[in-house]
Amino acid sequence: MGILYVVATPIGNLKDITLRALEILKQVDLILAEDTRVTKKLLNQYDVKKPLKRYDEHIAERVHGEVGDRLRKGERVALVSDAGTPGISDPGSRLVRFIQEELPDAKIIPIPGPSALVTALSVSGVNADRFTFLGYPPHKKGRQTFFKKLEIIEVRPIVLYESPHRLEKTLASISEVFGEGYEIIVARELTKLHEEIFRGSMLETQSHFQGEKKKGEFVIIIP
């Protein structure tokens, strides 16, 4: 029976790849990637020449059968996301669950590494002995209810992910719940050229993230 490796990859700076992750990627028979174009850049950087196959939320279940067949033949497969650790706000958990249920004898081995969630918390200055991670807020359905419930969550800080397209609306929704004077932390473009850790009131935060500052990937921490 084969092996599925769940491999964490850099969240921005390609130098953050671990030696063990590179070793595994060079050994496997197939790499499953959320976006093959993104993963190709990483593989080219380190001269890794392995077959790539798309694995995202739209086609996840359609790939499971092939992965199962490969593992039954004793092959080794690596699962990566666009950035960070698979299974965190991406469909990687579906593949892991499929293998656990359908191929219980197959090994599933985690190869740890970068995570935007942990990276942001480490420089937030907020006690993170316990925290609540909610991933990306809903795009449409349930969005209003999602933000209203933030105020009653007891385990703090609360950590959210957000894309540049919805950042402005998300900050406005948080401000409606907690008030303009409430202080939060926003991490932008972690490990990349324009990395920024901003701390300020909701009013200051909304004012700050305008124009070019709205570009990138964001981690929002609500103390």
Protein backbone atom coordinates (compact mmCIF):
# COMPACT_ATOMS: atom_id res chain seq x y z
CA MET A 1 0.00 0.00 0.00
CA GLY A 2 1.22 3.47 -0.86
CA ILE A 3 1.66 6.68 1.11
CA LEU A 4 -0.06 10.08 1.01
CA TYR A 5 2.17 12.91 2.18
CA VAL A 6 0.39 16.09 3.29
CA VAL A 7 3.09 18.67 2.54
CA ALA A 8 3.14 22.26 3.81
CA THR A 9 4.61 24.75 1.34
CA PRO A 10 5.69 28.42 1.68
CA ILE A 11 3.01 31.07 2.16
CA GLY A 12 5.03 33.55 0.12
CA ASN A 13 8.79 33.39 0.43
CA LEU A 14 9.91 30.26 -1.43
CA LYS A 15 12.94 29.95 0.88
CA ASP A 16 10.59 28.87 3.66
CA ILE A 17 10.26 25.37 2.18
CA THR A 18 11.69 22.76 4.54
CA LEU A 19 14.47 20.35 3.60
CA ARG A 20 12.17 17.44 4.40
CA ALA A 21 9.40 18.80 2.18
CA LEU A 22 11.81 19.10 -0.75
CA GLU A 23 13.06 15.58 -0.15
CA ILE A 24 9.52 14.19 -0.23
CA LEU A 25 8.48 16.17 -3.31
CA LYS A 26 11.49 14.77 -5.19
CA GLN A 27 10.58 11.20 -4.22
CA VAL A 28 6.84 10.96 -4.86
CA ASP A 29 5.16 9.62 -8.01
CA LEU A 30 2.52 12.37 -8.20
CA ILE A 31 1.93 15.82 -6.69
CA LEU A 32 -1.65 17.01 -6.18
CA ALA A 33 -1.81 20.80 -6.28
CA GLU A 34 -4.61 23.29 -5.65
CA ASP A 35 -3.31 25.37 -8.59
CA THR A 36 -0.67 23.64 -10.71
CA ARG A 37 0.63 27.00 -12.01
CA VAL A 38 1.43 28.19 -8.48
CA THR A 39 3.05 24.91 -7.46
CA LYS A 40 5.06 24.78 -10.70
CA LYS A 41 6.89 27.96 -9.65
CA LEU A 42 7.99 26.30 -6.41
CA LEU A 43 9.04 23.09 -8.15
CA ASN A 44 11.00 24.99 -10.79
CA GLN A 45 12.80 26.96 -8.09
CA TYR A 46 14.19 23.73 -6.65
CA ASP A 47 14.44 21.70 -9.86
CA VAL A 48 11.76 19.22 -8.84
CA LYS A 49 10.44 17.39 -11.89
CA LYS A 50 7.37 15.38 -10.97
CA PRO A 51 3.90 14.93 -12.51
CA LEU A 52 1.37 17.51 -11.30
CA LYS A 53 -2.39 17.08 -11.09
CA ARG A 54 -5.00 19.65 -10.11
CA TYR A 55 -6.84 19.06 -6.84
CA ASP A 56 -9.20 21.83 -5.75
CA GLU A 57 -12.70 22.17 -4.32
CA HIS A 58 -14.34 21.92 -7.74
CA ILE A 59 -12.91 18.55 -8.76
CA ALA A 60 -11.82 16.99 -5.46
CA GLU A 61 -14.13 13.98 -5.52
CA ARG A 62 -13.34 13.24 -9.18
CA VAL A 63 -9.66 12.76 -8.31
CA HIS A 64 -10.17 10.45 -5.35
CA GLY A 65 -10.61 7.31 -7.44
CA GLU A 66 -7.30 7.80 -9.27
CA VAL A 67 -5.45 8.55 -6.04
CA GLY A 68 -6.93 5.43 -4.47
CA ASP A 69 -5.78 3.29 -7.42
CA ARG A 70 -2.27 4.73 -7.22
CA LEU A 71 -2.01 4.05 -3.49
CA ARG A 72 -3.23 0.48 -3.96
CA LYS A 73 -0.33 0.01 -6.41
CA GLY A 74 2.11 1.18 -3.76
CA GLU A 75 2.75 4.63 -5.21
CA ARG A 76 3.58 7.73 -3.18
CA VAL A 77 1.45 10.86 -3.59
CA ALA A 78 2.04 14.36 -2.19
CA LEU A 79 -0.78 16.80 -1.49
CA VAL A 80 0.06 20.53 -1.43
CA SER A 81 -2.03 23.70 -1.37
CA ASP A 82 -1.26 27.03 -3.03
CA ALA A 83 0.34 28.22 0.19
CA GLY A 84 0.74 26.88 3.71
CA THR A 85 -0.59 23.67 5.17
CA PRO A 86 -3.16 21.58 3.24
CA GLY A 87 -6.48 21.05 4.95
CA ILE A 88 -6.57 24.56 6.43
CA SER A 89 -9.23 26.48 4.48
CA ASP A 90 -8.81 24.22 1.43
CA PRO A 91 -10.25 20.85 0.32
CA GLY A 92 -7.28 18.75 1.45
CA SER A 93 -9.26 17.31 4.34
CA ARG A 94 -11.62 15.62 1.87
CA LEU A 95 -8.82 13.54 0.40
CA VAL A 96 -7.46 12.59 3.83
CA ARG A 97 -10.94 11.50 4.95
CA PHE A 98 -11.48 9.50 1.73
CA ILE A 99 -8.25 7.58 2.26
CA GLN A 100 -8.98 7.00 5.94
CA GLU A 101 -12.35 5.48 5.05
CA GLU A 102 -11.58 3.65 1.78
CA LEU A 103 -7.92 2.67 2.23
CA PRO A 104 -7.37 2.30 5.98
CA ASP A 105 -4.07 0.47 5.40
CA ALA A 106 -2.55 3.37 3.48
CA LYS A 107 -0.19 5.63 5.41
CA ILE A 108 -0.94 9.34 5.69
CA ILE A 109 2.15 11.29 6.74
CA PRO A 110 2.16 15.03 7.57
CA ILE A 111 5.15 17.10 6.48
CA PRO A 112 4.77 20.25 8.63
CA GLY A 113 5.75 23.74 7.68
CA PRO A 114 4.41 27.27 7.18
CA SER A 115 0.90 28.39 8.15
CA ALA A 116 -0.38 31.96 7.76
CA LEU A 117 -2.55 31.47 10.84
CA VAL A 118 0.32 30.64 13.19
CA THR A 119 2.71 33.10 11.53
CA ALA A 120 0.30 36.00 12.12
CA LEU A 121 -0.40 35.03 15.72
CA SER A 122 3.32 34.79 16.50
CA VAL A 123 3.82 38.51 15.79
CA SER A 124 0.45 39.79 16.99
CA GLY A 125 1.43 40.44 20.59
CA VAL A 126 -1.80 38.71 21.62
CA ASN A 127 -1.87 35.76 24.02
CA ALA A 128 -2.63 32.80 21.77
CA ASP A 129 -2.65 29.97 24.32
CA ARG A 130 -6.21 29.49 23.08
CA PHE A 131 -7.85 30.98 20.02
CA THR A 132 -10.76 30.52 17.62
CA PHE A 133 -9.98 30.10 13.94
CA LEU A 134 -12.89 30.64 11.55
CA GLY A 135 -11.14 30.67 8.17
CA TYR A 136 -12.76 32.74 5.42
CA PRO A 137 -16.12 34.38 6.20
CA PRO A 138 -19.03 33.25 4.00
CA HIS A 139 -19.14 35.03 0.63
CA LYS A 140 -22.91 35.56 0.59
CA LYS A 141 -25.27 33.18 2.39
CA GLY A 142 -25.00 33.41 6.17
CA ARG A 143 -22.52 36.29 6.07
CA GLN A 144 -24.55 38.65 8.27
CA THR A 145 -25.18 35.95 10.88
CA PHE A 146 -21.51 34.97 10.82
CA PHE A 147 -20.34 38.44 11.88
CA LYS A 148 -23.09 38.93 14.47
CA LYS A 149 -21.95 35.77 16.26
CA LEU A 150 -18.33 36.98 16.58
CA GLU A 151 -19.18 39.07 19.64
CA ILE A 152 -20.39 36.08 21.67
CA ILE A 153 -17.40 33.85 20.97
CA GLU A 154 -15.64 33.38 24.31
CA VAL A 155 -12.33 31.86 23.19
CA ARG A 156 -10.19 34.73 21.95
CA PRO A 157 -8.42 35.87 19.88
CA ILE A 158 -10.59 35.17 16.84
CA VAL A 159 -8.63 34.69 13.62
CA LEU A 160 -10.02 35.11 10.11
CA TYR A 161 -8.62 34.89 6.60
CA GLU A 162 -9.72 37.33 3.93
CA SER A 163 -9.05 38.07 0.28
CA PRO A 164 -8.45 41.57 -1.14
CA HIS A 165 -11.82 41.54 -2.92
CA ARG A 166 -13.82 41.29 0.30
CA LEU A 167 -11.51 42.96 2.83
CA GLU A 168 -13.35 46.29 2.86
CA LYS A 169 -16.74 44.68 3.45
CA THR A 170 -15.34 42.38 6.13
CA LEU A 171 -13.73 45.24 8.05
CA ALA A 172 -16.99 47.18 7.86
CA SER A 173 -18.91 44.19 9.24
CA ILE A 174 -16.44 43.74 12.11
CA SER A 175 -16.70 47.45 12.90
CA GLU A 176 -20.49 47.21 13.07
CA VAL A 177 -20.22 44.45 15.65
CA PHE A 178 -17.38 45.74 17.85
CA GLY A 179 -17.45 49.49 17.21
CA GLU A 180 -15.08 51.92 15.49
CA GLY A 181 -12.78 52.18 18.50
CA TYR A 182 -12.14 48.44 18.85
CA GLU A 183 -8.50 47.51 18.20
CA ILE A 184 -7.58 44.64 15.89
CA ILE A 185 -4.46 43.32 14.13
CA VAL A 186 -4.27 42.75 10.39
CA ALA A 187 -1.36 40.91 8.77
CA ARG A 188 -0.91 41.42 5.03
CA GLU A 189 1.29 39.55 2.54
CA LEU A 190 3.13 37.55 5.21
CA THR A 191 6.72 36.58 4.26
CA LYS A 192 6.43 38.53 0.98
CA LEU A 193 8.01 41.79 -0.20
CA HIS A 194 5.15 43.99 1.06
CA GLU A 195 4.63 42.20 4.37
CA GLU A 196 2.85 44.34 6.93
CA ILE A 197 1.54 43.86 10.46
CA PHE A 198 -0.94 46.64 11.30
CA ARG A 199 -2.50 47.26 14.69
CA GLY A 200 -5.13 49.92 15.22
CA SER A 201 -8.76 50.78 15.90
CA MET A 202 -11.39 49.64 13.44
CA LEU A 203 -11.63 53.21 12.14
CA GLU A 204 -7.86 53.43 11.68
CA THR A 205 -7.73 49.98 10.08
CA GLN A 206 -10.45 50.77 7.57
CA SER A 207 -8.72 54.03 6.67
CA HIS A 208 -5.30 52.36 6.38
CA PHE A 209 -6.22 49.53 4.03
CA GLN A 210 -7.12 51.52 0.96
CA GLY A 211 -5.67 51.63 -2.54
CA GLU A 212 -2.50 49.55 -2.86
CA LYS A 213 -2.87 48.47 0.78
CA LYS A 214 -5.93 46.44 -0.17
CA LYS A 215 -3.87 44.09 -2.34
CA GLY A 216 -2.64 40.74 -1.08
CA GLU A 217 -3.81 38.06 1.32
CA PHE A 218 -4.91 38.99 4.82
CA VAL A 219 -5.06 37.49 8.30
CA ILE A 220 -7.37 39.37 10.70
CA ILE A 221 -6.93 38.93 14.45
CA ILE A 222 -9.70 40.08 16.80
CA PRO A 223 -8.42 40.09 20.41
